[in-house]
Amino acid sequence: MSGLSDALKKGMLTMNLETPSYFIQQVSEITGLSKLVIRKWEERYQIVIPKRLDNGYRVYTEADVNKILTVKSLTEQGYSVKQAAFLVDKNETEPEPTPEAPIRQTKSQPQATNEYVRELLKEATSCHEAGMNYILQKAYHEKGLEYFIHSVAIPFLVEMGNRWKTGVWQEYQEAIASMTLRDFLIELRRNFMVRKEAPTLLGACLPHEKHEIPVMLILLQAMVKGWKTVLIGASPAQNSIENTVQKLLPDRVILSATTTTPFEQVPSLLLELDQFAGTCKNTDFYLGGPGAVEYMSKSNIKLEFIKLTRSLDSMLEIK
């Protein structure tokens, strides 16, 4: 990530003009993260290790701030904080190209501080399902589907995950917020009109993968581009994926893993699915999600028929 802009530097603590430093409050203002989240990231993931003044205050270098911003950017793309920290450390120690990004939007980064997201977080904190539904509907009807996906649904999803991981939310708050968003996305997909002759895109979580909302968001974006979509939800059996492909004969298949659990539970999973993909001559297979990217970056598996993808736009382009 490039250096900080002059506007962001105005709160800088200058201990040494050649090595600008920042207090945690200033890092919070620059990154948009709370001081609690910054401290949690340090303690749990060692993303940065700031120096301490004699009075115990943390002092961050510009490199520290840029690393925190990079991790934040990766979490906004769908990575967990742990996965983002791993990728940042890997890039620092290995002079290789960065691993491919997970399936994600390729437009401008979502704005997590807009009024819709703030109101959603407020209602979700109180577990007010009706209030969340009202705001979701309002954002969709006032701004349209593209804005809703990139600037409301994705930032809300990322922030609810961050709040649960850092202990700001309890598990029940994250569960209710996720359920409400998932149900709303189901209704959007159900009521979205597509051409009968449109090509078919099948989106599937991998076995033991419980996070289906990212796949739902991808399928909604595909529908905007003219695809007819089918969803295989959370934690399907491997033969369910294969049987559905054989029955529907989709033009493309997206296999998604937000975590590495599917590969840890079934080490042979990817190779078996790759062999199956080789038998489907008229179907293109893609693999995405931060869990898949993390696993592939560590393993020696070479896929012949399934493509690990970085660009959602190019993957959704209709031939």
C-alpha atoms as a PDB file:
ATOM      1  CA  MET A   1       0.000   0.000   0.000  1.00  0.00           C
ATOM      2  CA  SER A   2       1.279   3.460  -0.887  1.00  0.00           C
ATOM      3  CA  GLY A   3       2.377   6.064   1.670  1.00  0.00           C
ATOM      4  CA  LEU A   4      -0.141   8.019   3.689  1.00  0.00           C
ATOM      5  CA  SER A   5      -1.615  11.166   2.233  1.00  0.00           C
ATOM      6  CA  ASP A   6      -0.868  14.619   3.672  1.00  0.00           C
ATOM      7  CA  ALA A   7      -4.392  14.789   5.024  1.00  0.00           C
ATOM      8  CA  LEU A   8      -3.849  11.633   7.054  1.00  0.00           C
ATOM      9  CA  LYS A   9      -0.511  12.841   8.353  1.00  0.00           C
ATOM     10  CA  LYS A  10      -1.839  15.944  10.064  1.00  0.00           C
ATOM     11  CA  GLY A  11      -2.224  14.085  13.401  1.00  0.00           C
ATOM     12  CA  MET A  12       1.292  12.653  13.249  1.00  0.00           C
ATOM     13  CA  LEU A  13       3.540  12.536  16.306  1.00  0.00           C
ATOM     14  CA  THR A  14       7.013  13.524  15.077  1.00  0.00           C
ATOM     15  CA  MET A  15       9.628  12.022  17.369  1.00  0.00           C
ATOM     16  CA  ASN A  16      12.123  12.020  14.514  1.00  0.00           C
ATOM     17  CA  LEU A  17      11.543  13.766  11.188  1.00  0.00           C
ATOM     18  CA  GLU A  18      13.077  10.851   9.311  1.00  0.00           C
ATOM     19  CA  THR A  19      11.020   8.226  11.118  1.00  0.00           C
ATOM     20  CA  PRO A  20       7.496   9.615  11.667  1.00  0.00           C
ATOM     21  CA  SER A  21       5.568   7.911  14.440  1.00  0.00           C
ATOM     22  CA  TYR A  22       1.970   7.772  15.583  1.00  0.00           C
ATOM     23  CA  PHE A  23       0.077   7.222  18.826  1.00  0.00           C
ATOM     24  CA  ILE A  24      -2.724   4.617  18.819  1.00  0.00           C
ATOM     25  CA  GLN A  25      -5.418   7.332  18.709  1.00  0.00           C
ATOM     26  CA  GLN A  26      -3.892   8.689  15.510  1.00  0.00           C
ATOM     27  CA  VAL A  27      -3.620   5.195  14.024  1.00  0.00           C
ATOM     28  CA  SER A  28      -7.306   4.723  14.866  1.00  0.00           C
ATOM     29  CA  GLU A  29      -8.212   7.949  13.055  1.00  0.00           C
ATOM     30  CA  ILE A  30      -6.122   7.046  10.000  1.00  0.00           C
ATOM     31  CA  THR A  31      -7.338   3.465   9.644  1.00  0.00           C
ATOM     32  CA  GLY A  32     -10.924   3.861  10.811  1.00  0.00           C
ATOM     33  CA  LEU A  33     -10.410   1.014  13.281  1.00  0.00           C
ATOM     34  CA  SER A  34     -11.149   1.336  16.968  1.00  0.00           C
ATOM     35  CA  LYS A  35      -8.280   1.280  19.440  1.00  0.00           C
ATOM     36  CA  LEU A  36      -9.737  -1.972  20.831  1.00  0.00           C
ATOM     37  CA  VAL A  37      -9.561  -3.657  17.411  1.00  0.00           C
ATOM     38  CA  ILE A  38      -5.978  -2.446  16.833  1.00  0.00           C
ATOM     39  CA  ARG A  39      -4.877  -3.826  20.207  1.00  0.00           C
ATOM     40  CA  LYS A  40      -6.673  -7.136  19.556  1.00  0.00           C
ATOM     41  CA  TRP A  41      -4.952  -7.496  16.190  1.00  0.00           C
ATOM     42  CA  GLU A  42      -1.595  -6.929  17.861  1.00  0.00           C
ATOM     43  CA  GLU A  43      -2.229  -9.381  20.682  1.00  0.00           C
ATOM     44  CA  ARG A  44      -3.901 -12.175  18.699  1.00  0.00           C
ATOM     45  CA  TYR A  45      -2.166 -11.990  15.328  1.00  0.00           C
ATOM     46  CA  GLN A  46       1.053  -9.966  15.923  1.00  0.00           C
ATOM     47  CA  ILE A  47       0.237  -7.894  12.836  1.00  0.00           C
ATOM     48  CA  VAL A  48       2.495  -5.158  14.203  1.00  0.00           C
ATOM     49  CA  ILE A  49       4.615  -4.909  17.346  1.00  0.00           C
ATOM     50  CA  PRO A  50       4.740  -1.208  18.254  1.00  0.00           C
ATOM     51  CA  LYS A  51       7.461   0.251  20.381  1.00  0.00           C
ATOM     52  CA  ARG A  52       6.616   1.592  23.834  1.00  0.00           C
ATOM     53  CA  LEU A  53       7.505   4.916  25.374  1.00  0.00           C
ATOM     54  CA  ASP A  54       8.665   5.080  28.999  1.00  0.00           C
ATOM     55  CA  ASN A  55       5.087   5.854  30.045  1.00  0.00           C
ATOM     56  CA  GLY A  56       3.829   2.699  28.273  1.00  0.00           C
ATOM     57  CA  TYR A  57       2.200   4.434  25.317  1.00  0.00           C
ATOM     58  CA  ARG A  58       2.326   2.541  22.017  1.00  0.00           C
ATOM     59  CA  VAL A  59       4.220   4.218  19.166  1.00  0.00           C
ATOM     60  CA  TYR A  60       3.652   3.110  15.568  1.00  0.00           C
ATOM     61  CA  THR A  61       5.833   3.706  12.525  1.00  0.00           C
ATOM     62  CA  GLU A  62       4.437   4.574   9.113  1.00  0.00           C
ATOM     63  CA  ALA A  63       5.258   1.012   8.036  1.00  0.00           C
ATOM     64  CA  ASP A  64       3.126  -0.262  10.939  1.00  0.00           C
ATOM     65  CA  VAL A  65       0.216   1.919   9.861  1.00  0.00           C
ATOM     66  CA  ASN A  66       0.503   0.784   6.246  1.00  0.00           C
ATOM     67  CA  LYS A  67       0.551  -2.858   7.364  1.00  0.00           C
ATOM     68  CA  ILE A  68      -2.624  -2.340   9.409  1.00  0.00           C
ATOM     69  CA  LEU A  69      -4.259  -0.648   6.413  1.00  0.00           C
ATOM     70  CA  THR A  70      -3.246  -3.558   4.191  1.00  0.00           C
ATOM     71  CA  VAL A  71      -4.754  -6.082   6.604  1.00  0.00           C
ATOM     72  CA  LYS A  72      -7.927  -4.005   6.821  1.00  0.00           C
ATOM     73  CA  SER A  73      -8.146  -3.891   3.015  1.00  0.00           C
ATOM     74  CA  LEU A  74      -7.783  -7.676   2.808  1.00  0.00           C
ATOM     75  CA  THR A  75     -10.534  -8.210   5.397  1.00  0.00           C
ATOM     76  CA  GLU A  76     -12.800  -5.986   3.302  1.00  0.00           C
ATOM     77  CA  GLN A  77     -12.113  -8.333   0.394  1.00  0.00           C
ATOM     78  CA  GLY A  78     -13.306 -11.334   2.397  1.00  0.00           C
ATOM     79  CA  TYR A  79     -10.230 -12.607   4.224  1.00  0.00           C
ATOM     80  CA  SER A  80     -10.341 -13.295   7.945  1.00  0.00           C
ATOM     81  CA  VAL A  81      -7.919 -11.247  10.050  1.00  0.00           C
ATOM     82  CA  LYS A  82      -5.801 -14.383  10.583  1.00  0.00           C
ATOM     83  CA  GLN A  83      -5.624 -15.059   6.845  1.00  0.00           C
ATOM     84  CA  ALA A  84      -4.830 -11.424   6.046  1.00  0.00           C
ATOM     85  CA  ALA A  85      -2.030 -11.369   8.628  1.00  0.00           C
ATOM     86  CA  PHE A  86      -0.593 -14.548   7.137  1.00  0.00           C
ATOM     87  CA  LEU A  87      -0.600 -13.072   3.622  1.00  0.00           C
ATOM     88  CA  VAL A  88       1.025  -9.822   4.783  1.00  0.00           C
ATOM     89  CA  ASP A  89       3.781 -11.735   6.599  1.00  0.00           C
ATOM     90  CA  LYS A  90       4.267 -14.031   3.591  1.00  0.00           C
ATOM     91  CA  ASN A  91       4.703 -11.071   1.261  1.00  0.00           C
ATOM     92  CA  GLU A  92       7.339  -9.584   3.588  1.00  0.00           C
ATOM     93  CA  THR A  93       9.403 -12.772   3.823  1.00  0.00           C
ATOM     94  CA  GLU A  94       9.012 -14.145   0.294  1.00  0.00           C
ATOM     95  CA  PRO A  95       9.738 -12.063  -2.806  1.00  0.00           C
ATOM     96  CA  GLU A  96       7.013 -13.799  -4.796  1.00  0.00           C
ATOM     97  CA  PRO A  97       3.822 -12.501  -6.394  1.00  0.00           C
ATOM     98  CA  THR A  98       0.978 -12.142  -3.924  1.00  0.00           C
ATOM     99  CA  PRO A  99      -1.418 -15.096  -3.749  1.00  0.00           C
ATOM    100  CA  GLU A 100      -4.556 -14.727  -5.766  1.00  0.00           C
ATOM    101  CA  ALA A 101      -7.308 -12.826  -4.047  1.00  0.00           C
ATOM    102  CA  PRO A 102     -10.580 -14.519  -3.081  1.00  0.00           C
ATOM    103  CA  ILE A 103     -13.678 -14.210  -5.196  1.00  0.00           C
ATOM    104  CA  ARG A 104     -14.766 -10.659  -4.528  1.00  0.00           C
ATOM    105  CA  GLN A 105     -16.019  -7.465  -6.074  1.00  0.00           C
ATOM    106  CA  THR A 106     -13.494  -5.711  -8.291  1.00  0.00           C
ATOM    107  CA  LYS A 107     -15.084  -2.302  -8.111  1.00  0.00           C
ATOM    108  CA  SER A 108     -14.216   0.373  -5.571  1.00  0.00           C
ATOM    109  CA  GLN A 109     -13.816  -0.804  -2.005  1.00  0.00           C
ATOM    110  CA  PRO A 110     -17.033  -0.791   0.042  1.00  0.00           C
ATOM    111  CA  GLN A 111     -17.617   2.175   2.303  1.00  0.00           C
ATOM    112  CA  ALA A 112     -18.128   0.674   5.746  1.00  0.00           C
ATOM    113  CA  THR A 113     -18.958   4.009   7.361  1.00  0.00           C
ATOM    114  CA  ASN A 114     -22.073   4.971   5.382  1.00  0.00           C
ATOM    115  CA  GLU A 115     -25.296   5.638   7.222  1.00  0.00           C
ATOM    116  CA  TYR A 116     -26.976   2.383   6.182  1.00  0.00           C
ATOM    117  CA  VAL A 117     -24.174   0.257   7.627  1.00  0.00           C
ATOM    118  CA  ARG A 118     -24.018   2.292  10.838  1.00  0.00           C
ATOM    119  CA  GLU A 119     -27.760   1.876  11.346  1.00  0.00           C
ATOM    120  CA  LEU A 120     -27.583  -1.846  10.578  1.00  0.00           C
ATOM    121  CA  LEU A 121     -24.844  -2.319  13.152  1.00  0.00           C
ATOM    122  CA  LYS A 122     -26.846  -0.378  15.717  1.00  0.00           C
ATOM    123  CA  GLU A 123     -29.959  -2.538  15.159  1.00  0.00           C
ATOM    124  CA  ALA A 124     -27.908  -5.746  15.046  1.00  0.00           C
ATOM    125  CA  THR A 125     -26.216  -4.932  18.359  1.00  0.00           C
ATOM    126  CA  SER A 126     -29.704  -4.859  19.913  1.00  0.00           C
ATOM    127  CA  CYS A 127     -30.750  -7.989  17.958  1.00  0.00           C
ATOM    128  CA  HIS A 128     -33.580  -5.994  16.393  1.00  0.00           C
ATOM    129  CA  GLU A 129     -34.377  -8.136  13.343  1.00  0.00           C
ATOM    130  CA  ALA A 130     -37.282  -5.975  12.119  1.00  0.00           C
ATOM    131  CA  GLY A 131     -35.084  -2.883  12.279  1.00  0.00           C
ATOM    132  CA  MET A 132     -32.354  -4.586  10.251  1.00  0.00           C
ATOM    133  CA  ASN A 133     -34.871  -5.697   7.625  1.00  0.00           C
ATOM    134  CA  TYR A 134     -36.234  -2.177   7.315  1.00  0.00           C
ATOM    135  CA  ILE A 135     -32.765  -0.709   6.718  1.00  0.00           C
ATOM    136  CA  LEU A 136     -31.830  -3.441   4.227  1.00  0.00           C
ATOM    137  CA  GLN A 137     -35.010  -2.794   2.246  1.00  0.00           C
ATOM    138  CA  LYS A 138     -34.514   0.961   2.419  1.00  0.00           C
ATOM    139  CA  ALA A 139     -30.939   0.749   1.144  1.00  0.00           C
ATOM    140  CA  TYR A 140     -31.917  -1.591  -1.691  1.00  0.00           C
ATOM    141  CA  HIS A 141     -34.901   0.485  -2.869  1.00  0.00           C
ATOM    142  CA  GLU A 142     -33.165   3.853  -2.508  1.00  0.00           C
ATOM    143  CA  LYS A 143     -29.778   2.955  -4.023  1.00  0.00           C
ATOM    144  CA  GLY A 144     -30.306  -0.102  -6.216  1.00  0.00           C
ATOM    145  CA  LEU A 145     -28.747  -3.546  -6.234  1.00  0.00           C
ATOM    146  CA  GLU A 146     -25.164  -2.662  -7.239  1.00  0.00           C
ATOM    147  CA  TYR A 147     -24.792  -0.116  -4.429  1.00  0.00           C
ATOM    148  CA  PHE A 148     -26.580  -2.419  -1.992  1.00  0.00           C
ATOM    149  CA  ILE A 149     -24.153  -5.276  -2.639  1.00  0.00           C
ATOM    150  CA  HIS A 150     -20.883  -3.317  -2.606  1.00  0.00           C
ATOM    151  CA  SER A 151     -21.608  -0.551  -0.105  1.00  0.00           C
ATOM    152  CA  VAL A 152     -24.106  -2.131   2.310  1.00  0.00           C
ATOM    153  CA  ALA A 153     -24.173  -5.938   2.315  1.00  0.00           C
ATOM    154  CA  ILE A 154     -20.424  -6.606   1.989  1.00  0.00           C
ATOM    155  CA  PRO A 155     -19.283  -3.958   4.524  1.00  0.00           C
ATOM    156  CA  PHE A 156     -21.983  -5.098   6.963  1.00  0.00           C
ATOM    157  CA  LEU A 157     -20.879  -8.718   6.591  1.00  0.00           C
ATOM    158  CA  VAL A 158     -17.218  -7.814   7.141  1.00  0.00           C
ATOM    159  CA  GLU A 159     -17.950  -5.629  10.152  1.00  0.00           C
ATOM    160  CA  MET A 160     -20.174  -8.198  11.864  1.00  0.00           C
ATOM    161  CA  GLY A 161     -17.347 -10.742  11.514  1.00  0.00           C
ATOM    162  CA  ASN A 162     -14.818  -8.293  12.931  1.00  0.00           C
ATOM    163  CA  ARG A 163     -17.049  -7.459  15.893  1.00  0.00           C
ATOM    164  CA  TRP A 164     -17.534 -11.110  16.763  1.00  0.00           C
ATOM    165  CA  LYS A 165     -13.831 -12.015  16.405  1.00  0.00           C
ATOM    166  CA  THR A 166     -12.694  -9.088  18.558  1.00  0.00           C
ATOM    167  CA  GLY A 167     -15.257  -9.773  21.271  1.00  0.00           C
ATOM    168  CA  VAL A 168     -17.304  -6.617  20.691  1.00  0.00           C
ATOM    169  CA  TRP A 169     -20.281  -8.843  19.816  1.00  0.00           C
ATOM    170  CA  GLN A 170     -21.378 -12.104  21.363  1.00  0.00           C
ATOM    171  CA  GLU A 171     -21.994 -15.115  19.127  1.00  0.00           C
ATOM    172  CA  TYR A 172     -25.779 -14.695  19.283  1.00  0.00           C
ATOM    173  CA  GLN A 173     -25.538 -11.138  17.909  1.00  0.00           C
ATOM    174  CA  GLU A 174     -23.416 -12.288  14.964  1.00  0.00           C
ATOM    175  CA  ALA A 175     -25.768 -15.233  14.351  1.00  0.00           C
ATOM    176  CA  ILE A 176     -28.920 -13.094  14.269  1.00  0.00           C
ATOM    177  CA  ALA A 177     -27.285 -10.475  12.028  1.00  0.00           C
ATOM    178  CA  SER A 178     -26.053 -13.174   9.623  1.00  0.00           C
ATOM    179  CA  MET A 179     -29.445 -14.877   9.529  1.00  0.00           C
ATOM    180  CA  THR A 180     -31.240 -11.607   8.798  1.00  0.00           C
ATOM    181  CA  LEU A 181     -28.876 -10.698   5.961  1.00  0.00           C
ATOM    182  CA  ARG A 182     -29.028 -14.214   4.529  1.00  0.00           C
ATOM    183  CA  ASP A 183     -32.846 -14.253   4.522  1.00  0.00           C
ATOM    184  CA  PHE A 184     -32.955 -10.858   2.823  1.00  0.00           C
ATOM    185  CA  LEU A 185     -30.528 -12.014   0.117  1.00  0.00           C
ATOM    186  CA  ILE A 186     -32.651 -15.118  -0.449  1.00  0.00           C
ATOM    187  CA  GLU A 187     -35.668 -12.896  -1.138  1.00  0.00           C
ATOM    188  CA  LEU A 188     -33.671 -10.714  -3.526  1.00  0.00           C
ATOM    189  CA  ARG A 189     -32.527 -13.712  -5.537  1.00  0.00           C
ATOM    190  CA  ARG A 190     -36.008 -15.213  -5.546  1.00  0.00           C
ATOM    191  CA  ASN A 191     -37.584 -12.046  -6.937  1.00  0.00           C
ATOM    192  CA  PHE A 192     -34.855 -11.126  -9.431  1.00  0.00           C
ATOM    193  CA  MET A 193     -35.988 -11.644 -13.017  1.00  0.00           C
ATOM    194  CA  VAL A 194     -33.586 -13.217 -15.548  1.00  0.00           C
ATOM    195  CA  ARG A 195     -33.993 -14.311 -19.154  1.00  0.00           C
ATOM    196  CA  LYS A 196     -35.154 -17.897 -19.636  1.00  0.00           C
ATOM    197  CA  GLU A 197     -32.331 -18.503 -22.134  1.00  0.00           C
ATOM    198  CA  ALA A 198     -29.653 -17.004 -19.839  1.00  0.00           C
ATOM    199  CA  PRO A 199     -26.538 -19.129 -19.183  1.00  0.00           C
ATOM    200  CA  THR A 200     -26.480 -20.969 -15.857  1.00  0.00           C
ATOM    201  CA  LEU A 201     -24.040 -20.361 -13.030  1.00  0.00           C
ATOM    202  CA  LEU A 202     -23.952 -22.803 -10.109  1.00  0.00           C
ATOM    203  CA  GLY A 203     -22.558 -21.518  -6.822  1.00  0.00           C
ATOM    204  CA  ALA A 204     -21.626 -24.066  -4.181  1.00  0.00           C
ATOM    205  CA  CYS A 205     -20.040 -24.029  -0.768  1.00  0.00           C
ATOM    206  CA  LEU A 206     -17.577 -26.857  -0.318  1.00  0.00           C
ATOM    207  CA  PRO A 207     -18.328 -29.674   2.147  1.00  0.00           C
ATOM    208  CA  HIS A 208     -17.920 -28.540   5.789  1.00  0.00           C
ATOM    209  CA  GLU A 209     -18.061 -24.866   4.663  1.00  0.00           C
ATOM    210  CA  LYS A 210     -20.809 -23.107   6.616  1.00  0.00           C
ATOM    211  CA  HIS A 211     -20.490 -19.575   5.216  1.00  0.00           C
ATOM    212  CA  GLU A 212     -22.980 -19.320   2.356  1.00  0.00           C
ATOM    213  CA  ILE A 213     -23.561 -15.545   2.322  1.00  0.00           C
ATOM    214  CA  PRO A 214     -20.422 -14.787   0.241  1.00  0.00           C
ATOM    215  CA  VAL A 215     -21.665 -17.221  -2.431  1.00  0.00           C
ATOM    216  CA  MET A 216     -25.096 -15.600  -2.379  1.00  0.00           C
ATOM    217  CA  LEU A 217     -23.551 -12.172  -2.943  1.00  0.00           C
ATOM    218  CA  ILE A 218     -21.543 -13.499  -5.880  1.00  0.00           C
ATOM    219  CA  LEU A 219     -24.652 -15.021  -7.431  1.00  0.00           C
ATOM    220  CA  LEU A 220     -26.550 -11.739  -7.077  1.00  0.00           C
ATOM    221  CA  GLN A 221     -23.756  -9.936  -8.912  1.00  0.00           C
ATOM    222  CA  ALA A 222     -23.890 -12.636 -11.583  1.00  0.00           C
ATOM    223  CA  MET A 223     -27.633 -12.120 -12.028  1.00  0.00           C
ATOM    224  CA  VAL A 224     -27.050  -8.416 -12.636  1.00  0.00           C
ATOM    225  CA  LYS A 225     -24.671  -9.435 -15.436  1.00  0.00           C
ATOM    226  CA  GLY A 226     -27.260 -11.722 -17.038  1.00  0.00           C
ATOM    227  CA  TRP A 227     -26.700 -15.131 -15.456  1.00  0.00           C
ATOM    228  CA  LYS A 228     -29.340 -17.539 -14.261  1.00  0.00           C
ATOM    229  CA  THR A 229     -28.063 -18.853 -10.930  1.00  0.00           C
ATOM    230  CA  VAL A 230     -28.429 -21.890  -8.712  1.00  0.00           C
ATOM    231  CA  LEU A 231     -27.188 -22.071  -5.119  1.00  0.00           C
ATOM    232  CA  ILE A 232     -25.993 -25.094  -3.188  1.00  0.00           C
ATOM    233  CA  GLY A 233     -25.869 -23.785   0.352  1.00  0.00           C
ATOM    234  CA  ALA A 234     -23.807 -24.439   3.429  1.00  0.00           C
ATOM    235  CA  SER A 235     -21.866 -27.671   3.936  1.00  0.00           C
ATOM    236  CA  PRO A 236     -23.189 -29.865   1.109  1.00  0.00           C
ATOM    237  CA  ALA A 237     -22.018 -33.411   0.551  1.00  0.00           C
ATOM    238  CA  GLN A 238     -19.499 -33.786  -2.260  1.00  0.00           C
ATOM    239  CA  ASN A 239     -21.824 -36.059  -4.231  1.00  0.00           C
ATOM    240  CA  SER A 240     -24.580 -33.433  -3.918  1.00  0.00           C
ATOM    241  CA  ILE A 241     -22.371 -30.962  -5.791  1.00  0.00           C
ATOM    242  CA  GLU A 242     -21.454 -33.529  -8.436  1.00  0.00           C
ATOM    243  CA  ASN A 243     -25.037 -34.785  -8.890  1.00  0.00           C
ATOM    244  CA  THR A 244     -26.367 -31.240  -9.248  1.00  0.00           C
ATOM    245  CA  VAL A 245     -23.766 -30.412 -11.891  1.00  0.00           C
ATOM    246  CA  GLN A 246     -24.588 -33.609 -13.824  1.00  0.00           C
ATOM    247  CA  LYS A 247     -28.313 -32.851 -13.681  1.00  0.00           C
ATOM    248  CA  LEU A 248     -28.266 -29.139 -14.514  1.00  0.00           C
ATOM    249  CA  LEU A 249     -25.211 -29.040 -16.816  1.00  0.00           C
ATOM    250  CA  PRO A 250     -24.395 -25.413 -15.838  1.00  0.00           C
ATOM    251  CA  ASP A 251     -22.110 -23.266 -17.973  1.00  0.00           C
ATOM    252  CA  ARG A 252     -19.944 -22.400 -14.950  1.00  0.00           C
ATOM    253  CA  VAL A 253     -19.483 -23.569 -11.375  1.00  0.00           C
ATOM    254  CA  ILE A 254     -18.076 -21.538  -8.494  1.00  0.00           C
ATOM    255  CA  LEU A 255     -16.743 -23.544  -5.542  1.00  0.00           C
ATOM    256  CA  SER A 256     -16.292 -21.392  -2.448  1.00  0.00           C
ATOM    257  CA  ALA A 257     -14.400 -21.841   0.808  1.00  0.00           C
ATOM    258  CA  THR A 258     -14.211 -18.992   3.296  1.00  0.00           C
ATOM    259  CA  THR A 259     -12.227 -21.193   5.709  1.00  0.00           C
ATOM    260  CA  THR A 260      -9.703 -24.010   5.280  1.00  0.00           C
ATOM    261  CA  THR A 261     -11.982 -26.463   7.098  1.00  0.00           C
ATOM    262  CA  PRO A 262     -13.161 -28.326   3.959  1.00  0.00           C
ATOM    263  CA  PHE A 263      -9.588 -29.223   3.005  1.00  0.00           C
ATOM    264  CA  GLU A 264      -8.599 -30.163   6.538  1.00  0.00           C
ATOM    265  CA  GLN A 265     -11.623 -32.426   6.922  1.00  0.00           C
ATOM    266  CA  VAL A 266     -11.251 -34.070   3.503  1.00  0.00           C
ATOM    267  CA  PRO A 267      -7.630 -33.796   2.258  1.00  0.00           C
ATOM    268  CA  SER A 268      -8.515 -35.506  -1.050  1.00  0.00           C
ATOM    269  CA  LEU A 269     -11.449 -33.169  -1.739  1.00  0.00           C
ATOM    270  CA  LEU A 270      -9.850 -30.833  -4.272  1.00  0.00           C
ATOM    271  CA  LEU A 271      -8.194 -33.551  -6.327  1.00  0.00           C
ATOM    272  CA  GLU A 272     -11.435 -35.529  -6.462  1.00  0.00           C
ATOM    273  CA  LEU A 273     -13.420 -32.471  -7.541  1.00  0.00           C
ATOM    274  CA  ASP A 274     -10.734 -31.617 -10.089  1.00  0.00           C
ATOM    275  CA  GLN A 275     -11.029 -35.092 -11.591  1.00  0.00           C
ATOM    276  CA  PHE A 276     -14.803 -34.695 -11.697  1.00  0.00           C
ATOM    277  CA  ALA A 277     -14.466 -31.290 -13.378  1.00  0.00           C
ATOM    278  CA  GLY A 278     -12.397 -32.980 -16.080  1.00  0.00           C
ATOM    279  CA  THR A 279     -15.413 -35.110 -17.005  1.00  0.00           C
ATOM    280  CA  CYS A 280     -17.652 -32.037 -17.502  1.00  0.00           C
ATOM    281  CA  LYS A 281     -16.472 -30.902 -20.921  1.00  0.00           C
ATOM    282  CA  ASN A 282     -18.915 -28.002 -21.318  1.00  0.00           C
ATOM    283  CA  THR A 283     -18.672 -26.586 -17.799  1.00  0.00           C
ATOM    284  CA  ASP A 284     -15.982 -24.223 -16.496  1.00  0.00           C
ATOM    285  CA  PHE A 285     -15.035 -24.674 -12.836  1.00  0.00           C
ATOM    286  CA  TYR A 286     -13.672 -21.937 -10.573  1.00  0.00           C
ATOM    287  CA  LEU A 287     -12.422 -22.051  -6.984  1.00  0.00           C
ATOM    288  CA  GLY A 288     -12.449 -18.998  -4.752  1.00  0.00           C
ATOM    289  CA  GLY A 289     -12.725 -17.673  -1.223  1.00  0.00           C
ATOM    290  CA  PRO A 290     -10.031 -16.765   1.325  1.00  0.00           C
ATOM    291  CA  GLY A 291      -9.927 -20.275   2.765  1.00  0.00           C
ATOM    292  CA  ALA A 292      -9.229 -21.764  -0.648  1.00  0.00           C
ATOM    293  CA  VAL A 293      -6.565 -19.166  -1.381  1.00  0.00           C
ATOM    294  CA  GLU A 294      -4.824 -19.753   1.952  1.00  0.00           C
ATOM    295  CA  TYR A 295      -4.873 -23.515   1.521  1.00  0.00           C
ATOM    296  CA  MET A 296      -3.602 -23.402  -2.068  1.00  0.00           C
ATOM    297  CA  SER A 297      -0.789 -21.029  -1.093  1.00  0.00           C
ATOM    298  CA  LYS A 298       0.484 -23.587   1.438  1.00  0.00           C
ATOM    299  CA  SER A 299      -0.129 -26.828  -0.464  1.00  0.00           C
ATOM    300  CA  ASN A 300       1.581 -28.395  -3.432  1.00  0.00           C
ATOM    301  CA  ILE A 301      -1.684 -29.324  -5.124  1.00  0.00           C
ATOM    302  CA  LYS A 302      -1.853 -28.611  -8.840  1.00  0.00           C
ATOM    303  CA  LEU A 303      -5.353 -28.357 -10.266  1.00  0.00           C
ATOM    304  CA  GLU A 304      -5.802 -29.251 -13.910  1.00  0.00           C
ATOM    305  CA  PHE A 305      -9.429 -28.397 -14.565  1.00  0.00           C
ATOM    306  CA  ILE A 306     -10.454 -26.056 -11.724  1.00  0.00           C
ATOM    307  CA  LYS A 307      -9.176 -22.469 -11.906  1.00  0.00           C
ATOM    308  CA  LEU A 308      -8.262 -20.533  -8.755  1.00  0.00           C
ATOM    309  CA  THR A 309      -9.696 -17.120  -9.546  1.00  0.00           C
ATOM    310  CA  ARG A 310      -8.827 -13.552  -8.594  1.00  0.00           C
ATOM    311  CA  SER A 311     -11.206 -11.596 -10.812  1.00  0.00           C
ATOM    312  CA  LEU A 312     -14.925 -11.865 -10.275  1.00  0.00           C
ATOM    313  CA  ASP A 313     -15.657  -9.561 -13.214  1.00  0.00           C
ATOM    314  CA  SER A 314     -13.732 -11.653 -15.738  1.00  0.00           C
ATOM    315  CA  MET A 315     -15.209 -14.879 -14.362  1.00  0.00           C
ATOM    316  CA  LEU A 316     -18.756 -13.544 -14.711  1.00  0.00           C
ATOM    317  CA  GLU A 317     -18.238 -12.285 -18.232  1.00  0.00           C
ATOM    318  CA  ILE A 318     -20.686 -14.056 -20.518  1.00  0.00           C
ATOM    319  CA  LYS A 319     -19.046 -15.534 -23.608  1.00  0.00           C
END
